[in-house]
Amino acid sequence: MKKIPPLPSLLSLNLQTEQVERNYIKEKKAAVKEFDDKKVELKENLIAELEEKKKMIENEKLTMELTGGKGDRTRLLFRDLLSGRDRKLGIKKYVSGSERFSL
């Protein structure tokens, strides 16, 4: 036969169980709120970064239109392409004052 615990022990157990359930519900609500707040904050940050990048691209486009599409950017891209080739071929030296590599 099962032994029935005394009445004060049952009441204490019920009160403790209810307290744990209330704490669980409270913490769960707080976690959901914190998650939603963080999600909104991250979304706002991403949108702000995107807007900033769009402005930079628009400024670069305007600059390219004003300069006729030529300028440092083309030279830098050319230099990047060559430096990739340079690394593959093991070439380590630029010819001074020129965009060509010494072979």
N, C-alpha and C. Protein backbone atom coordinates (compact mmCIF):
# COMPACT_ATOMS: atom_id res chain seq x y z
N MET A 1 0.81 -1.19 0.00
CA MET A 1 0.00 0.00 0.00
C MET A 1 0.86 1.26 0.00
N LYS A 2 0.37 2.25 -0.73
CA LYS A 2 1.07 3.53 -0.78
C LYS A 2 0.82 4.31 0.50
N LYS A 3 1.88 4.93 0.91
CA LYS A 3 1.76 5.76 2.10
C LYS A 3 1.36 7.17 1.69
N ILE A 4 0.37 7.72 2.28
CA ILE A 4 -0.08 9.08 1.97
C ILE A 4 0.70 10.04 2.85
N PRO A 5 1.38 11.05 2.21
CA PRO A 5 2.12 12.01 3.03
C PRO A 5 1.16 12.86 3.85
N PRO A 6 1.66 13.39 4.92
CA PRO A 6 0.80 14.24 5.76
C PRO A 6 0.32 15.47 4.98
N LEU A 7 -0.79 16.00 5.40
CA LEU A 7 -1.45 17.12 4.73
C LEU A 7 -0.57 18.35 4.57
N PRO A 8 0.17 18.80 5.59
CA PRO A 8 1.04 19.97 5.39
C PRO A 8 2.09 19.74 4.31
N SER A 9 2.58 18.54 4.18
CA SER A 9 3.57 18.24 3.17
C SER A 9 2.96 18.35 1.77
N LEU A 10 1.72 17.89 1.59
CA LEU A 10 1.03 18.01 0.30
C LEU A 10 0.80 19.47 -0.06
N LEU A 11 0.39 20.26 0.90
CA LEU A 11 0.16 21.69 0.64
C LEU A 11 1.47 22.38 0.24
N SER A 12 2.53 22.04 0.93
CA SER A 12 3.83 22.62 0.62
C SER A 12 4.27 22.23 -0.79
N LEU A 13 4.07 20.97 -1.12
CA LEU A 13 4.43 20.48 -2.45
C LEU A 13 3.62 21.19 -3.53
N ASN A 14 2.33 21.36 -3.32
CA ASN A 14 1.47 22.07 -4.28
C ASN A 14 1.90 23.52 -4.43
N LEU A 15 2.20 24.18 -3.32
CA LEU A 15 2.63 25.58 -3.39
C LEU A 15 3.95 25.71 -4.14
N GLN A 16 4.87 24.80 -3.88
CA GLN A 16 6.16 24.84 -4.56
C GLN A 16 5.99 24.59 -6.07
N THR A 17 5.12 23.64 -6.41
CA THR A 17 4.86 23.34 -7.81
C THR A 17 4.25 24.56 -8.52
N GLU A 18 3.30 25.19 -7.88
CA GLU A 18 2.67 26.39 -8.46
C GLU A 18 3.69 27.51 -8.63
N GLN A 19 4.55 27.68 -7.64
CA GLN A 19 5.58 28.74 -7.71
C GLN A 19 6.54 28.47 -8.88
N VAL A 20 6.96 27.22 -9.03
CA VAL A 20 7.86 26.86 -10.12
C VAL A 20 7.18 27.11 -11.47
N GLU A 21 5.91 26.74 -11.58
CA GLU A 21 5.17 26.97 -12.83
C GLU A 21 5.05 28.45 -13.13
N ARG A 22 4.77 29.28 -12.11
CA ARG A 22 4.67 30.73 -12.32
C ARG A 22 6.01 31.31 -12.76
N ASN A 23 7.09 30.86 -12.12
CA ASN A 23 8.43 31.34 -12.50
C ASN A 23 8.76 30.93 -13.93
N TYR A 24 8.40 29.71 -14.30
CA TYR A 24 8.65 29.23 -15.67
C TYR A 24 7.91 30.10 -16.68
N ILE A 25 6.65 30.36 -16.43
CA ILE A 25 5.84 31.18 -17.36
C ILE A 25 6.41 32.59 -17.44
N LYS A 26 6.80 33.15 -16.30
CA LYS A 26 7.36 34.50 -16.27
C LYS A 26 8.68 34.55 -17.06
N GLU A 27 9.56 33.59 -16.86
CA GLU A 27 10.84 33.56 -17.57
C GLU A 27 10.65 33.32 -19.07
N LYS A 28 9.67 32.49 -19.41
CA LYS A 28 9.40 32.22 -20.82
C LYS A 28 8.92 33.49 -21.52
N LYS A 29 8.02 34.23 -20.87
CA LYS A 29 7.54 35.49 -21.45
C LYS A 29 8.68 36.49 -21.60
N ALA A 30 9.55 36.56 -20.60
CA ALA A 30 10.69 37.48 -20.67
C ALA A 30 11.64 37.09 -21.81
N ALA A 31 11.86 35.78 -21.99
CA ALA A 31 12.74 35.32 -23.06
C ALA A 31 12.15 35.63 -24.43
N VAL A 32 10.84 35.44 -24.59
CA VAL A 32 10.18 35.74 -25.86
C VAL A 32 10.27 37.24 -26.15
N LYS A 33 10.04 38.06 -25.12
CA LYS A 33 10.12 39.52 -25.30
C LYS A 33 11.55 39.93 -25.68
N GLU A 34 12.55 39.38 -24.99
CA GLU A 34 13.93 39.70 -25.29
C GLU A 34 14.30 39.27 -26.72
N PHE A 35 13.84 38.09 -27.13
CA PHE A 35 14.08 37.61 -28.48
C PHE A 35 13.47 38.55 -29.51
N ASP A 36 12.22 38.94 -29.30
CA ASP A 36 11.55 39.83 -30.24
C ASP A 36 12.24 41.19 -30.32
N ASP A 37 12.66 41.71 -29.16
CA ASP A 37 13.38 43.00 -29.14
C ASP A 37 14.70 42.90 -29.91
N LYS A 38 15.42 41.82 -29.67
CA LYS A 38 16.71 41.65 -30.34
C LYS A 38 16.51 41.48 -31.85
N LYS A 39 15.45 40.75 -32.23
CA LYS A 39 15.17 40.55 -33.65
C LYS A 39 14.87 41.89 -34.33
N VAL A 40 14.08 42.73 -33.68
CA VAL A 40 13.77 44.05 -34.24
C VAL A 40 15.04 44.89 -34.35
N GLU A 41 15.87 44.85 -33.30
CA GLU A 41 17.11 45.63 -33.31
C GLU A 41 18.03 45.19 -34.44
N LEU A 42 18.19 43.87 -34.62
CA LEU A 42 19.06 43.37 -35.69
C LEU A 42 18.50 43.73 -37.06
N LYS A 43 17.19 43.66 -37.21
CA LYS A 43 16.57 44.01 -38.48
C LYS A 43 16.81 45.48 -38.79
N GLU A 44 16.67 46.34 -37.79
CA GLU A 44 16.91 47.77 -37.99
C GLU A 44 18.37 48.03 -38.36
N ASN A 45 19.30 47.32 -37.71
CA ASN A 45 20.72 47.48 -38.02
C ASN A 45 21.02 47.05 -39.45
N LEU A 46 20.43 45.93 -39.87
CA LEU A 46 20.65 45.47 -41.25
C LEU A 46 20.11 46.46 -42.27
N ILE A 47 18.94 47.01 -41.98
CA ILE A 47 18.35 47.99 -42.89
C ILE A 47 19.23 49.24 -42.96
N ALA A 48 19.73 49.68 -41.80
CA ALA A 48 20.60 50.86 -41.79
C ALA A 48 21.89 50.60 -42.58
N GLU A 49 22.48 49.42 -42.41
CA GLU A 49 23.69 49.08 -43.16
C GLU A 49 23.40 49.04 -44.66
N LEU A 50 22.26 48.46 -45.03
CA LEU A 50 21.88 48.39 -46.44
C LEU A 50 21.71 49.79 -47.03
N GLU A 51 21.05 50.68 -46.30
CA GLU A 51 20.87 52.06 -46.77
C GLU A 51 22.22 52.74 -46.94
N GLU A 52 23.13 52.50 -45.99
CA GLU A 52 24.46 53.11 -46.07
C GLU A 52 25.21 52.60 -47.31
N LYS A 53 25.13 51.30 -47.56
CA LYS A 53 25.80 50.74 -48.73
C LYS A 53 25.18 51.25 -50.02
N LYS A 54 23.85 51.41 -50.04
CA LYS A 54 23.18 51.95 -51.22
C LYS A 54 23.67 53.36 -51.50
N LYS A 55 23.82 54.18 -50.44
CA LYS A 55 24.31 55.55 -50.62
C LYS A 55 25.73 55.55 -51.17
N MET A 56 26.56 54.64 -50.65
CA MET A 56 27.94 54.56 -51.13
C MET A 56 27.97 54.18 -52.60
N ILE A 57 27.15 53.23 -53.00
CA ILE A 57 27.10 52.80 -54.40
C ILE A 57 26.59 53.93 -55.28
N GLU A 58 25.57 54.66 -54.81
CA GLU A 58 25.06 55.79 -55.58
C GLU A 58 26.13 56.86 -55.74
N ASN A 59 26.90 57.12 -54.67
CA ASN A 59 27.98 58.10 -54.76
C ASN A 59 29.07 57.65 -55.73
N GLU A 60 29.42 56.36 -55.69
CA GLU A 60 30.40 55.84 -56.64
C GLU A 60 29.90 55.95 -58.06
N LYS A 61 28.63 55.66 -58.26
CA LYS A 61 28.05 55.74 -59.60
C LYS A 61 28.09 57.19 -60.10
N LEU A 62 27.73 58.12 -59.22
CA LEU A 62 27.77 59.54 -59.59
C LEU A 62 29.20 59.96 -59.92
N THR A 63 30.15 59.52 -59.12
CA THR A 63 31.55 59.85 -59.35
C THR A 63 32.01 59.29 -60.69
N MET A 64 31.60 58.06 -60.99
CA MET A 64 31.99 57.46 -62.27
C MET A 64 31.37 58.22 -63.43
N GLU A 65 30.12 58.67 -63.26
CA GLU A 65 29.48 59.44 -64.32
C GLU A 65 30.19 60.77 -64.54
N LEU A 66 30.62 61.39 -63.43
CA LEU A 66 31.30 62.68 -63.53
C LEU A 66 32.69 62.54 -64.16
N THR A 67 33.37 61.44 -63.88
CA THR A 67 34.72 61.25 -64.41
C THR A 67 34.71 60.48 -65.72
N GLY A 68 33.55 60.13 -66.21
CA GLY A 68 33.48 59.41 -67.47
C GLY A 68 33.73 57.92 -67.31
N GLY A 69 33.62 57.41 -66.10
CA GLY A 69 33.79 55.99 -65.87
C GLY A 69 35.23 55.55 -65.78
N LYS A 70 36.15 56.48 -65.83
CA LYS A 70 37.57 56.12 -65.74
C LYS A 70 38.11 56.65 -64.42
N GLY A 71 39.19 56.08 -64.03
CA GLY A 71 39.81 56.60 -62.82
C GLY A 71 40.50 55.52 -62.03
N ASP A 72 40.68 55.80 -60.76
CA ASP A 72 41.44 54.91 -59.88
C ASP A 72 40.81 53.54 -59.76
N ARG A 73 39.49 53.47 -59.81
CA ARG A 73 38.81 52.18 -59.63
C ARG A 73 39.24 51.18 -60.71
N THR A 74 39.33 51.62 -61.95
CA THR A 74 39.73 50.73 -63.03
C THR A 74 41.16 50.25 -62.82
N ARG A 75 42.02 51.16 -62.43
CA ARG A 75 43.41 50.80 -62.19
C ARG A 75 43.53 49.83 -61.02
N LEU A 76 42.74 50.04 -59.97
CA LEU A 76 42.77 49.14 -58.83
C LEU A 76 42.27 47.76 -59.20
N LEU A 77 41.20 47.69 -59.99
CA LEU A 77 40.69 46.40 -60.42
C LEU A 77 41.73 45.67 -61.26
N PHE A 78 42.38 46.41 -62.17
CA PHE A 78 43.42 45.84 -63.01
C PHE A 78 44.56 45.31 -62.14
N ARG A 79 44.93 46.11 -61.16
CA ARG A 79 46.02 45.72 -60.28
C ARG A 79 45.64 44.48 -59.48
N ASP A 80 44.38 44.39 -59.00
CA ASP A 80 43.91 43.21 -58.27
C ASP A 80 43.97 41.97 -59.14
N LEU A 81 43.52 42.11 -60.39
CA LEU A 81 43.56 40.96 -61.29
C LEU A 81 44.99 40.49 -61.51
N LEU A 82 45.86 41.45 -61.72
CA LEU A 82 47.25 41.09 -61.94
C LEU A 82 47.89 40.52 -60.69
N SER A 83 47.54 41.05 -59.53
CA SER A 83 48.16 40.53 -58.31
C SER A 83 47.73 39.10 -58.07
N GLY A 84 46.51 38.71 -58.46
CA GLY A 84 46.08 37.32 -58.35
C GLY A 84 46.92 36.44 -59.27
N ARG A 85 47.14 36.92 -60.50
CA ARG A 85 47.99 36.21 -61.45
C ARG A 85 49.42 36.14 -60.93
N ASP A 86 49.84 37.25 -60.35
CA ASP A 86 51.17 37.35 -59.80
C ASP A 86 51.40 36.30 -58.72
N ARG A 87 50.44 36.15 -57.83
CA ARG A 87 50.57 35.16 -56.76
C ARG A 87 50.66 33.74 -57.32
N LYS A 88 49.87 33.47 -58.34
CA LYS A 88 49.89 32.13 -58.93
C LYS A 88 51.23 31.83 -59.59
N LEU A 89 51.81 32.85 -60.23
CA LEU A 89 53.06 32.65 -60.94
C LEU A 89 54.28 32.81 -60.03
N GLY A 90 54.06 33.29 -58.83
CA GLY A 90 55.18 33.48 -57.91
C GLY A 90 55.97 34.74 -58.15
N ILE A 91 55.40 35.69 -58.87
CA ILE A 91 56.08 36.96 -59.15
C ILE A 91 55.85 37.88 -57.96
N LYS A 92 56.93 38.52 -57.50
CA LYS A 92 56.81 39.30 -56.28
C LYS A 92 57.13 40.77 -56.45
N LYS A 93 57.43 41.23 -57.64
CA LYS A 93 57.93 42.59 -57.78
C LYS A 93 57.18 43.34 -58.88
N TYR A 94 56.77 44.58 -58.56
CA TYR A 94 56.17 45.49 -59.54
C TYR A 94 57.29 46.29 -60.20
N VAL A 95 57.06 46.65 -61.45
CA VAL A 95 57.98 47.59 -62.10
C VAL A 95 57.59 48.96 -61.59
N SER A 96 58.51 49.71 -61.06
CA SER A 96 58.18 50.99 -60.45
C SER A 96 57.60 51.94 -61.49
N GLY A 97 56.52 52.63 -61.07
CA GLY A 97 55.88 53.62 -61.93
C GLY A 97 55.04 53.01 -63.03
N SER A 98 54.82 51.72 -63.03
CA SER A 98 54.07 51.07 -64.08
C SER A 98 53.10 50.07 -63.47
N GLU A 99 52.08 49.71 -64.21
CA GLU A 99 51.12 48.73 -63.76
C GLU A 99 51.52 47.31 -64.15
N ARG A 100 52.66 47.16 -64.87
CA ARG A 100 53.07 45.85 -65.33
C ARG A 100 53.99 45.19 -64.32
N PHE A 101 53.99 43.89 -64.37
CA PHE A 101 54.85 43.11 -63.49
C PHE A 101 56.13 42.76 -64.23
N SER A 102 57.19 42.57 -63.47
CA SER A 102 58.42 42.08 -64.10
C SER A 102 58.36 40.57 -64.10
N LEU A 103 58.73 39.99 -65.19
CA LEU A 103 58.68 38.52 -65.31
C LEU A 103 60.06 37.93 -65.22
